[in-house]
Amino acid sequence: MMRMSPRRRGEMDEQYHVVHKLPSGDSPYVRAKHAQLIDKDPELAIILFWEAIDGGDRVDSALKDMAVVMKQQDRAEEAIEAIKTYRDRCSSQAQESLDNVLIDLYKKCGRMEEQIELLKQKLRMIYQGEAFNGRPTKTARSHGRKFQVTVKQETSRILGNLGWAYMQQTNYEAAEIVYRKAQLMDPHASKACNLGLCLIKQGKYLEAQHVLLDVVRCNLPGSGDLRSRNRAEELLSEIEPGRTSEPSSLPSYGVSLEDAFVEGLDKLVSHLAPNRSKRLPIFEEIFPLRDQLAC
């Protein structure tokens, strides 16, 4: 049998790592990824990720990947504590990704207050020009691929998550405000359905009909998704014919200062331009409110 040359063996090893999306080498982080992706052994992967973190081996990726595996193993609370304890070992570039993982973990654990506060913190970073460094787009990553996301798209995404969190608290008044702002920036059928539900819960049936009919009539991006259309039709069926509005029996939460702060987002986005300074004119209007916001 012919022996494989070292060069050929190296080429095959490289192809193996590329195909399986594995980093090359034999460090604790590399072994952890192998255990996660090839051996399908999440418990061993977590042990090796811990070893990588303790040894300073690709800590940014090790902490994030470990938290994701822990979430999959129903160890979300442990993952939250790990990120809070060890994120100071990570680079500044990794902090946004860690925040995104934390938001998912808070959601899984039902820790809505913490999820809401972190989402608002991300919005404040956009207000202050920190998230995009004054530029209209930034590079994002999802499932291993890179793509460009605009300020409007990112803000709308965060607002959509914030609206969902308010809905879990049955604070439909705040959720309505947030979803309306999200739709102004980057309208989508799924957010329209959530907005329609918020309006129904408040007894605003006529407004809910208008919002949901836009989905059914395919007037919004994402309306082609059969699930969104079916959901809109189900919500419309909950509104009895001839019903326009009635007082809601749900408690009124009022509009907090931070909700009013969110209402300035559409002005903020309209002012964004590549060559403007980090603090745009809208920041000067809302900055006096900043000291009154929760840290």
C-alpha atoms as a PDB file:
ATOM      1  CA  MET A   1       0.000   0.000   0.000  1.00  0.00           C
ATOM      2  CA  MET A   2       1.353   3.411  -0.969  1.00  0.00           C
ATOM      3  CA  ARG A   3       2.211   5.753   1.837  1.00  0.00           C
ATOM      4  CA  MET A   4       0.615   9.173   1.742  1.00  0.00           C
ATOM      5  CA  SER A   5       3.099  12.015   1.510  1.00  0.00           C
ATOM      6  CA  PRO A   6       3.160  14.533   4.380  1.00  0.00           C
ATOM      7  CA  ARG A   7       2.061  17.237   1.950  1.00  0.00           C
ATOM      8  CA  ARG A   8      -0.939  15.190   0.757  1.00  0.00           C
ATOM      9  CA  ARG A   9      -1.847  14.323   4.351  1.00  0.00           C
ATOM     10  CA  GLY A  10      -1.690  18.005   5.268  1.00  0.00           C
ATOM     11  CA  GLU A  11      -3.947  18.916   2.368  1.00  0.00           C
ATOM     12  CA  MET A  12      -6.508  16.316   3.414  1.00  0.00           C
ATOM     13  CA  ASP A  13      -6.394  17.519   7.023  1.00  0.00           C
ATOM     14  CA  GLU A  14      -7.009  21.058   5.812  1.00  0.00           C
ATOM     15  CA  GLN A  15      -9.954  19.927   3.669  1.00  0.00           C
ATOM     16  CA  TYR A  16     -11.373  18.026   6.660  1.00  0.00           C
ATOM     17  CA  HIS A  17     -11.304  21.142   8.828  1.00  0.00           C
ATOM     18  CA  VAL A  18     -12.868  23.261   6.100  1.00  0.00           C
ATOM     19  CA  VAL A  19     -15.691  20.794   5.405  1.00  0.00           C
ATOM     20  CA  HIS A  20     -16.539  20.397   9.087  1.00  0.00           C
ATOM     21  CA  LYS A  21     -15.926  24.096   9.872  1.00  0.00           C
ATOM     22  CA  LEU A  22     -13.304  23.215  12.454  1.00  0.00           C
ATOM     23  CA  PRO A  23     -10.330  25.352  13.446  1.00  0.00           C
ATOM     24  CA  SER A  24      -6.973  23.707  12.813  1.00  0.00           C
ATOM     25  CA  GLY A  25      -4.559  22.650  15.551  1.00  0.00           C
ATOM     26  CA  ASP A  26      -4.777  20.614  18.755  1.00  0.00           C
ATOM     27  CA  SER A  27      -5.532  23.214  21.430  1.00  0.00           C
ATOM     28  CA  PRO A  28      -8.313  22.826  24.042  1.00  0.00           C
ATOM     29  CA  TYR A  29     -10.609  25.046  21.934  1.00  0.00           C
ATOM     30  CA  VAL A  30     -10.018  22.962  18.796  1.00  0.00           C
ATOM     31  CA  ARG A  31     -10.699  19.739  20.744  1.00  0.00           C
ATOM     32  CA  ALA A  32     -13.846  21.310  22.198  1.00  0.00           C
ATOM     33  CA  LYS A  33     -15.142  22.150  18.708  1.00  0.00           C
ATOM     34  CA  HIS A  34     -14.337  18.605  17.572  1.00  0.00           C
ATOM     35  CA  ALA A  35     -16.289  17.185  20.521  1.00  0.00           C
ATOM     36  CA  GLN A  36     -19.186  19.547  19.761  1.00  0.00           C
ATOM     37  CA  LEU A  37     -19.412  19.162  15.981  1.00  0.00           C
ATOM     38  CA  ILE A  38     -17.883  15.758  15.146  1.00  0.00           C
ATOM     39  CA  ASP A  39     -18.223  13.569  18.241  1.00  0.00           C
ATOM     40  CA  LYS A  40     -21.585  15.139  19.181  1.00  0.00           C
ATOM     41  CA  ASP A  41     -20.524  14.998  22.841  1.00  0.00           C
ATOM     42  CA  PRO A  42     -21.750  18.286  24.378  1.00  0.00           C
ATOM     43  CA  GLU A  43     -20.689  17.454  27.932  1.00  0.00           C
ATOM     44  CA  LEU A  44     -17.100  16.789  26.847  1.00  0.00           C
ATOM     45  CA  ALA A  45     -17.226  19.939  24.710  1.00  0.00           C
ATOM     46  CA  ILE A  46     -18.233  22.026  27.743  1.00  0.00           C
ATOM     47  CA  ILE A  47     -15.346  20.596  29.784  1.00  0.00           C
ATOM     48  CA  LEU A  48     -12.897  21.430  27.003  1.00  0.00           C
ATOM     49  CA  PHE A  49     -14.354  24.902  26.508  1.00  0.00           C
ATOM     50  CA  TRP A  50     -13.775  25.540  30.226  1.00  0.00           C
ATOM     51  CA  GLU A  51     -10.188  24.345  29.771  1.00  0.00           C
ATOM     52  CA  ALA A  52      -9.772  26.757  26.851  1.00  0.00           C
ATOM     53  CA  ILE A  53     -11.151  29.685  28.869  1.00  0.00           C
ATOM     54  CA  ASP A  54      -8.924  28.929  31.860  1.00  0.00           C
ATOM     55  CA  GLY A  55      -5.901  28.574  29.574  1.00  0.00           C
ATOM     56  CA  GLY A  56      -6.560  31.753  27.587  1.00  0.00           C
ATOM     57  CA  ASP A  57      -7.143  29.803  24.363  1.00  0.00           C
ATOM     58  CA  ARG A  58      -9.457  31.759  22.006  1.00  0.00           C
ATOM     59  CA  VAL A  59     -11.475  32.949  24.995  1.00  0.00           C
ATOM     60  CA  ASP A  60     -13.829  35.104  22.899  1.00  0.00           C
ATOM     61  CA  SER A  61     -15.049  32.117  20.905  1.00  0.00           C
ATOM     62  CA  ALA A  62     -14.740  29.566  23.711  1.00  0.00           C
ATOM     63  CA  LEU A  63     -17.024  31.466  26.095  1.00  0.00           C
ATOM     64  CA  LYS A  64     -19.655  32.185  23.446  1.00  0.00           C
ATOM     65  CA  ASP A  65     -19.634  28.650  22.031  1.00  0.00           C
ATOM     66  CA  MET A  66     -19.757  27.102  25.508  1.00  0.00           C
ATOM     67  CA  ALA A  67     -22.787  29.210  26.425  1.00  0.00           C
ATOM     68  CA  VAL A  68     -24.572  28.090  23.256  1.00  0.00           C
ATOM     69  CA  VAL A  69     -23.877  24.413  24.029  1.00  0.00           C
ATOM     70  CA  MET A  70     -25.013  24.898  27.636  1.00  0.00           C
ATOM     71  CA  LYS A  71     -28.274  26.405  26.387  1.00  0.00           C
ATOM     72  CA  GLN A  72     -28.828  23.351  24.182  1.00  0.00           C
ATOM     73  CA  GLN A  73     -28.249  21.145  27.251  1.00  0.00           C
ATOM     74  CA  ASP A  74     -30.834  23.057  29.343  1.00  0.00           C
ATOM     75  CA  ARG A  75     -28.068  24.659  31.404  1.00  0.00           C
ATOM     76  CA  ALA A  76     -29.018  28.213  30.464  1.00  0.00           C
ATOM     77  CA  GLU A  77     -28.772  29.615  33.999  1.00  0.00           C
ATOM     78  CA  GLU A  78     -25.238  28.256  34.279  1.00  0.00           C
ATOM     79  CA  ALA A  79     -24.407  29.783  30.891  1.00  0.00           C
ATOM     80  CA  ILE A  80     -25.636  33.197  32.059  1.00  0.00           C
ATOM     81  CA  GLU A  81     -23.402  33.101  35.114  1.00  0.00           C
ATOM     82  CA  ALA A  82     -20.427  31.950  33.026  1.00  0.00           C
ATOM     83  CA  ILE A  83     -20.770  34.915  30.643  1.00  0.00           C
ATOM     84  CA  LYS A  84     -21.217  37.408  33.482  1.00  0.00           C
ATOM     85  CA  THR A  85     -18.190  36.034  35.316  1.00  0.00           C
ATOM     86  CA  TYR A  86     -15.744  35.648  32.424  1.00  0.00           C
ATOM     87  CA  ARG A  87     -16.716  38.259  29.845  1.00  0.00           C
ATOM     88  CA  ASP A  88     -14.089  40.620  31.220  1.00  0.00           C
ATOM     89  CA  ARG A  89     -11.473  38.235  29.799  1.00  0.00           C
ATOM     90  CA  CYS A  90     -12.897  38.769  26.314  1.00  0.00           C
ATOM     91  CA  SER A  91     -11.991  41.489  23.827  1.00  0.00           C
ATOM     92  CA  SER A  92     -14.150  44.549  23.268  1.00  0.00           C
ATOM     93  CA  GLN A  93     -15.049  43.177  19.831  1.00  0.00           C
ATOM     94  CA  ALA A  94     -16.656  40.117  21.454  1.00  0.00           C
ATOM     95  CA  GLN A  95     -18.953  42.005  23.831  1.00  0.00           C
ATOM     96  CA  GLU A  96     -21.785  42.540  21.339  1.00  0.00           C
ATOM     97  CA  SER A  97     -21.886  38.834  20.450  1.00  0.00           C
ATOM     98  CA  LEU A  98     -21.944  37.948  24.147  1.00  0.00           C
ATOM     99  CA  ASP A  99     -24.841  40.351  24.678  1.00  0.00           C
ATOM    100  CA  ASN A 100     -26.744  38.644  21.871  1.00  0.00           C
ATOM    101  CA  VAL A 101     -26.175  35.248  23.484  1.00  0.00           C
ATOM    102  CA  LEU A 102     -27.264  36.642  26.864  1.00  0.00           C
ATOM    103  CA  ILE A 103     -30.492  37.964  25.359  1.00  0.00           C
ATOM    104  CA  ASP A 104     -31.315  34.466  24.058  1.00  0.00           C
ATOM    105  CA  LEU A 105     -30.442  32.934  27.432  1.00  0.00           C
ATOM    106  CA  TYR A 106     -32.613  35.408  29.344  1.00  0.00           C
ATOM    107  CA  LYS A 107     -35.449  34.617  26.949  1.00  0.00           C
ATOM    108  CA  LYS A 108     -35.063  30.858  27.509  1.00  0.00           C
ATOM    109  CA  CYS A 109     -35.010  31.315  31.294  1.00  0.00           C
ATOM    110  CA  GLY A 110     -37.977  33.677  31.344  1.00  0.00           C
ATOM    111  CA  ARG A 111     -35.862  36.462  32.852  1.00  0.00           C
ATOM    112  CA  MET A 112     -37.787  39.184  31.038  1.00  0.00           C
ATOM    113  CA  GLU A 113     -36.647  42.180  33.087  1.00  0.00           C
ATOM    114  CA  GLU A 114     -32.994  41.432  32.396  1.00  0.00           C
ATOM    115  CA  GLN A 115     -33.723  40.764  28.732  1.00  0.00           C
ATOM    116  CA  ILE A 116     -35.579  44.085  28.430  1.00  0.00           C
ATOM    117  CA  GLU A 117     -32.796  46.020  30.135  1.00  0.00           C
ATOM    118  CA  LEU A 118     -30.136  44.518  27.874  1.00  0.00           C
ATOM    119  CA  LEU A 119     -32.198  45.258  24.750  1.00  0.00           C
ATOM    120  CA  LYS A 120     -32.632  48.859  25.886  1.00  0.00           C
ATOM    121  CA  GLN A 121     -28.889  49.071  26.499  1.00  0.00           C
ATOM    122  CA  LYS A 122     -28.295  47.987  22.892  1.00  0.00           C
ATOM    123  CA  LEU A 123     -30.745  50.662  21.714  1.00  0.00           C
ATOM    124  CA  ARG A 124     -28.943  53.316  23.763  1.00  0.00           C
ATOM    125  CA  MET A 125     -25.694  52.335  22.049  1.00  0.00           C
ATOM    126  CA  ILE A 126     -27.365  52.996  18.705  1.00  0.00           C
ATOM    127  CA  TYR A 127     -28.728  56.336  19.958  1.00  0.00           C
ATOM    128  CA  GLN A 128     -25.251  57.410  20.986  1.00  0.00           C
ATOM    129  CA  GLY A 129     -23.631  56.289  17.730  1.00  0.00           C
ATOM    130  CA  GLU A 130     -21.529  53.606  19.432  1.00  0.00           C
ATOM    131  CA  ALA A 131     -22.993  50.490  17.797  1.00  0.00           C
ATOM    132  CA  PHE A 132     -22.288  51.562  14.201  1.00  0.00           C
ATOM    133  CA  ASN A 133     -19.514  54.117  14.802  1.00  0.00           C
ATOM    134  CA  GLY A 134     -21.478  56.716  12.857  1.00  0.00           C
ATOM    135  CA  ARG A 135     -21.777  54.490   9.761  1.00  0.00           C
ATOM    136  CA  PRO A 136     -25.092  53.459   8.151  1.00  0.00           C
ATOM    137  CA  THR A 137     -24.177  49.735   8.004  1.00  0.00           C
ATOM    138  CA  LYS A 138     -22.048  47.178   9.805  1.00  0.00           C
ATOM    139  CA  THR A 139     -20.952  43.593   9.196  1.00  0.00           C
ATOM    140  CA  ALA A 140     -22.939  40.953  11.053  1.00  0.00           C
ATOM    141  CA  ARG A 141     -22.471  37.201  11.248  1.00  0.00           C
ATOM    142  CA  SER A 142     -25.073  34.437  11.384  1.00  0.00           C
ATOM    143  CA  HIS A 143     -24.543  30.675  11.060  1.00  0.00           C
ATOM    144  CA  GLY A 144     -20.982  31.213   9.858  1.00  0.00           C
ATOM    145  CA  ARG A 145     -21.771  33.712   7.098  1.00  0.00           C
ATOM    146  CA  LYS A 146     -21.149  37.446   7.012  1.00  0.00           C
ATOM    147  CA  PHE A 147     -23.592  40.024   5.708  1.00  0.00           C
ATOM    148  CA  GLN A 148     -24.257  43.758   5.911  1.00  0.00           C
ATOM    149  CA  VAL A 149     -26.987  45.052   8.195  1.00  0.00           C
ATOM    150  CA  THR A 150     -28.278  48.635   8.197  1.00  0.00           C
ATOM    151  CA  VAL A 151     -29.058  50.782  11.217  1.00  0.00           C
ATOM    152  CA  LYS A 152     -32.757  50.525  10.362  1.00  0.00           C
ATOM    153  CA  GLN A 153     -32.657  46.732  10.142  1.00  0.00           C
ATOM    154  CA  GLU A 154     -30.726  46.290  13.382  1.00  0.00           C
ATOM    155  CA  THR A 155     -32.876  48.782  15.275  1.00  0.00           C
ATOM    156  CA  SER A 156     -36.054  47.154  13.992  1.00  0.00           C
ATOM    157  CA  ARG A 157     -34.749  43.717  14.996  1.00  0.00           C
ATOM    158  CA  ILE A 158     -33.944  44.865  18.532  1.00  0.00           C
ATOM    159  CA  LEU A 159     -37.296  46.627  18.845  1.00  0.00           C
ATOM    160  CA  GLY A 160     -39.051  43.453  17.690  1.00  0.00           C
ATOM    161  CA  ASN A 161     -37.318  41.485  20.454  1.00  0.00           C
ATOM    162  CA  LEU A 162     -38.169  44.213  22.957  1.00  0.00           C
ATOM    163  CA  GLY A 163     -41.811  44.163  21.899  1.00  0.00           C
ATOM    164  CA  TRP A 164     -41.927  40.381  22.342  1.00  0.00           C
ATOM    165  CA  ALA A 165     -40.480  40.691  25.861  1.00  0.00           C
ATOM    166  CA  TYR A 166     -43.107  43.301  26.788  1.00  0.00           C
ATOM    167  CA  MET A 167     -45.799  40.946  25.469  1.00  0.00           C
ATOM    168  CA  GLN A 168     -44.579  38.210  27.815  1.00  0.00           C
ATOM    169  CA  GLN A 169     -45.188  40.655  30.645  1.00  0.00           C
ATOM    170  CA  THR A 170     -48.675  41.410  29.212  1.00  0.00           C
ATOM    171  CA  ASN A 171     -47.573  45.043  28.886  1.00  0.00           C
ATOM    172  CA  TYR A 172     -49.319  45.395  25.546  1.00  0.00           C
ATOM    173  CA  GLU A 173     -49.317  49.194  25.638  1.00  0.00           C
ATOM    174  CA  ALA A 174     -45.506  49.367  25.675  1.00  0.00           C
ATOM    175  CA  ALA A 175     -45.294  46.494  23.168  1.00  0.00           C
ATOM    176  CA  GLU A 176     -47.580  48.376  20.771  1.00  0.00           C
ATOM    177  CA  ILE A 177     -45.362  51.476  20.842  1.00  0.00           C
ATOM    178  CA  VAL A 178     -42.246  49.418  20.233  1.00  0.00           C
ATOM    179  CA  TYR A 179     -43.729  47.354  17.396  1.00  0.00           C
ATOM    180  CA  ARG A 180     -45.073  50.478  15.661  1.00  0.00           C
ATOM    181  CA  LYS A 181     -41.575  51.984  15.665  1.00  0.00           C
ATOM    182  CA  ALA A 182     -40.097  48.724  14.416  1.00  0.00           C
ATOM    183  CA  GLN A 183     -42.579  48.662  11.538  1.00  0.00           C
ATOM    184  CA  LEU A 184     -41.785  52.246  10.561  1.00  0.00           C
ATOM    185  CA  MET A 185     -38.126  51.338  10.151  1.00  0.00           C
ATOM    186  CA  ASP A 186     -38.212  47.872   8.615  1.00  0.00           C
ATOM    187  CA  PRO A 187     -41.766  46.522   8.191  1.00  0.00           C
ATOM    188  CA  HIS A 188     -42.327  42.768   8.269  1.00  0.00           C
ATOM    189  CA  ALA A 189     -45.352  40.483   8.397  1.00  0.00           C
ATOM    190  CA  SER A 190     -44.299  38.655  11.580  1.00  0.00           C
ATOM    191  CA  LYS A 191     -43.964  41.901  13.542  1.00  0.00           C
ATOM    192  CA  ALA A 192     -47.292  43.072  12.083  1.00  0.00           C
ATOM    193  CA  CYS A 193     -48.963  39.966  13.515  1.00  0.00           C
ATOM    194  CA  ASN A 194     -47.508  40.711  16.948  1.00  0.00           C
ATOM    195  CA  LEU A 195     -48.646  44.321  16.669  1.00  0.00           C
ATOM    196  CA  GLY A 196     -52.121  43.115  15.715  1.00  0.00           C
ATOM    197  CA  LEU A 197     -52.222  40.883  18.799  1.00  0.00           C
ATOM    198  CA  CYS A 198     -51.174  43.807  21.024  1.00  0.00           C
ATOM    199  CA  LEU A 199     -54.000  45.907  19.591  1.00  0.00           C
ATOM    200  CA  ILE A 200     -56.562  43.111  20.078  1.00  0.00           C
ATOM    201  CA  LYS A 201     -55.488  42.665  23.698  1.00  0.00           C
ATOM    202  CA  GLN A 202     -56.146  46.388  24.237  1.00  0.00           C
ATOM    203  CA  GLY A 203     -59.536  46.273  22.535  1.00  0.00           C
ATOM    204  CA  LYS A 204     -58.347  48.283  19.510  1.00  0.00           C
ATOM    205  CA  TYR A 205     -60.076  46.002  17.041  1.00  0.00           C
ATOM    206  CA  LEU A 206     -60.400  48.346  14.071  1.00  0.00           C
ATOM    207  CA  GLU A 207     -56.691  49.214  14.172  1.00  0.00           C
ATOM    208  CA  ALA A 208     -55.861  45.524  14.523  1.00  0.00           C
ATOM    209  CA  GLN A 209     -57.921  44.725  11.426  1.00  0.00           C
ATOM    210  CA  HIS A 210     -56.037  47.271   9.328  1.00  0.00           C
ATOM    211  CA  VAL A 211     -52.668  45.927  10.480  1.00  0.00           C
ATOM    212  CA  LEU A 212     -53.535  42.260   9.964  1.00  0.00           C
ATOM    213  CA  LEU A 213     -55.204  42.780   6.593  1.00  0.00           C
ATOM    214  CA  ASP A 214     -51.899  44.154   5.305  1.00  0.00           C
ATOM    215  CA  VAL A 215     -50.426  40.713   5.993  1.00  0.00           C
ATOM    216  CA  VAL A 216     -53.331  38.772   4.465  1.00  0.00           C
ATOM    217  CA  ARG A 217     -53.237  40.959   1.340  1.00  0.00           C
ATOM    218  CA  CYS A 218     -49.449  40.489   1.041  1.00  0.00           C
ATOM    219  CA  ASN A 219     -48.741  44.204   1.406  1.00  0.00           C
ATOM    220  CA  LEU A 220     -45.724  43.667   3.685  1.00  0.00           C
ATOM    221  CA  PRO A 221     -42.334  41.974   3.325  1.00  0.00           C
ATOM    222  CA  GLY A 222     -42.610  38.437   4.676  1.00  0.00           C
ATOM    223  CA  SER A 223     -46.289  38.135   3.754  1.00  0.00           C
ATOM    224  CA  GLY A 224     -45.352  35.354   1.366  1.00  0.00           C
ATOM    225  CA  ASP A 225     -44.652  33.152   4.396  1.00  0.00           C
ATOM    226  CA  LEU A 226     -47.732  30.976   4.781  1.00  0.00           C
ATOM    227  CA  ARG A 227     -47.285  30.837   8.554  1.00  0.00           C
ATOM    228  CA  SER A 228     -47.539  34.615   8.876  1.00  0.00           C
ATOM    229  CA  ARG A 229     -50.638  34.751   6.691  1.00  0.00           C
ATOM    230  CA  ASN A 230     -52.276  31.914   8.595  1.00  0.00           C
ATOM    231  CA  ARG A 231     -51.540  33.609  11.897  1.00  0.00           C
ATOM    232  CA  ALA A 232     -52.964  36.911  10.652  1.00  0.00           C
ATOM    233  CA  GLU A 233     -56.129  35.124   9.528  1.00  0.00           C
ATOM    234  CA  GLU A 234     -56.442  33.386  12.914  1.00  0.00           C
ATOM    235  CA  LEU A 235     -56.112  36.717  14.731  1.00  0.00           C
ATOM    236  CA  LEU A 236     -58.683  38.309  12.433  1.00  0.00           C
ATOM    237  CA  SER A 237     -61.089  35.462  13.200  1.00  0.00           C
ATOM    238  CA  GLU A 238     -60.874  36.414  16.898  1.00  0.00           C
ATOM    239  CA  ILE A 239     -62.394  39.804  16.094  1.00  0.00           C
ATOM    240  CA  GLU A 240     -66.167  39.467  15.942  1.00  0.00           C
ATOM    241  CA  PRO A 241     -67.904  41.147  12.977  1.00  0.00           C
ATOM    242  CA  GLY A 242     -68.960  44.725  13.737  1.00  0.00           C
ATOM    243  CA  ARG A 243     -66.639  44.972  16.711  1.00  0.00           C
ATOM    244  CA  THR A 244     -64.555  48.144  16.510  1.00  0.00           C
ATOM    245  CA  SER A 245     -63.327  48.922  20.006  1.00  0.00           C
ATOM    246  CA  GLU A 246     -64.060  48.507  23.659  1.00  0.00           C
ATOM    247  CA  PRO A 247     -62.169  49.338  26.854  1.00  0.00           C
ATOM    248  CA  SER A 248     -59.476  46.834  27.680  1.00  0.00           C
ATOM    249  CA  SER A 249     -59.773  44.954  30.966  1.00  0.00           C
ATOM    250  CA  LEU A 250     -55.973  44.669  31.152  1.00  0.00           C
ATOM    251  CA  PRO A 251     -54.083  46.915  33.597  1.00  0.00           C
ATOM    252  CA  SER A 252     -52.567  50.049  32.113  1.00  0.00           C
ATOM    253  CA  TYR A 253     -48.817  50.299  32.569  1.00  0.00           C
ATOM    254  CA  GLY A 254     -48.501  53.774  31.148  1.00  0.00           C
ATOM    255  CA  VAL A 255     -45.662  54.827  28.873  1.00  0.00           C
ATOM    256  CA  SER A 256     -42.368  54.949  30.724  1.00  0.00           C
ATOM    257  CA  LEU A 257     -39.654  57.480  30.039  1.00  0.00           C
ATOM    258  CA  GLU A 258     -37.673  54.876  28.141  1.00  0.00           C
ATOM    259  CA  ASP A 259     -40.647  54.130  25.923  1.00  0.00           C
ATOM    260  CA  ALA A 260     -40.828  57.827  25.034  1.00  0.00           C
ATOM    261  CA  PHE A 261     -37.106  57.621  24.375  1.00  0.00           C
ATOM    262  CA  VAL A 262     -37.737  54.796  21.935  1.00  0.00           C
ATOM    263  CA  GLU A 263     -40.185  57.007  20.046  1.00  0.00           C
ATOM    264  CA  GLY A 264     -37.277  59.181  18.919  1.00  0.00           C
ATOM    265  CA  LEU A 265     -35.775  56.314  16.966  1.00  0.00           C
ATOM    266  CA  ASP A 266     -37.475  57.107  13.672  1.00  0.00           C
ATOM    267  CA  LYS A 267     -36.016  60.631  13.848  1.00  0.00           C
ATOM    268  CA  LEU A 268     -32.615  59.170  14.658  1.00  0.00           C
ATOM    269  CA  VAL A 269     -32.641  56.870  11.653  1.00  0.00           C
ATOM    270  CA  SER A 270     -33.752  59.643   9.302  1.00  0.00           C
ATOM    271  CA  HIS A 271     -30.716  61.687  10.376  1.00  0.00           C
ATOM    272  CA  LEU A 272     -28.159  58.920   9.845  1.00  0.00           C
ATOM    273  CA  ALA A 273     -25.553  59.536   7.169  1.00  0.00           C
ATOM    274  CA  PRO A 274     -22.087  58.018   6.603  1.00  0.00           C
ATOM    275  CA  ASN A 275     -20.126  61.202   7.177  1.00  0.00           C
ATOM    276  CA  ARG A 276     -21.933  62.592  10.184  1.00  0.00           C
ATOM    277  CA  SER A 277     -20.345  62.700  13.612  1.00  0.00           C
ATOM    278  CA  LYS A 278     -21.166  59.981  16.130  1.00  0.00           C
ATOM    279  CA  ARG A 279     -23.639  62.197  17.954  1.00  0.00           C
ATOM    280  CA  LEU A 280     -26.321  63.173  15.485  1.00  0.00           C
ATOM    281  CA  PRO A 281     -28.723  66.139  15.977  1.00  0.00           C
ATOM    282  CA  ILE A 282     -31.357  63.847  17.469  1.00  0.00           C
ATOM    283  CA  PHE A 283     -28.932  62.891  20.232  1.00  0.00           C
ATOM    284  CA  GLU A 284     -28.857  66.496  21.369  1.00  0.00           C
ATOM    285  CA  GLU A 285     -32.652  66.410  21.689  1.00  0.00           C
ATOM    286  CA  ILE A 286     -32.794  63.227  23.753  1.00  0.00           C
ATOM    287  CA  PHE A 287     -29.466  63.356  25.603  1.00  0.00           C
ATOM    288  CA  PRO A 288     -30.895  65.326  28.575  1.00  0.00           C
ATOM    289  CA  LEU A 289     -33.118  62.300  29.272  1.00  0.00           C
ATOM    290  CA  ARG A 290     -30.168  59.942  29.447  1.00  0.00           C
ATOM    291  CA  ASP A 291     -29.356  60.544  33.126  1.00  0.00           C
ATOM    292  CA  GLN A 292     -32.913  59.569  34.011  1.00  0.00           C
ATOM    293  CA  LEU A 293     -32.623  56.208  32.239  1.00  0.00           C
ATOM    294  CA  ALA A 294     -31.730  53.057  34.088  1.00  0.00           C
ATOM    295  CA  CYS A 295     -28.091  52.120  33.730  1.00  0.00           C
END
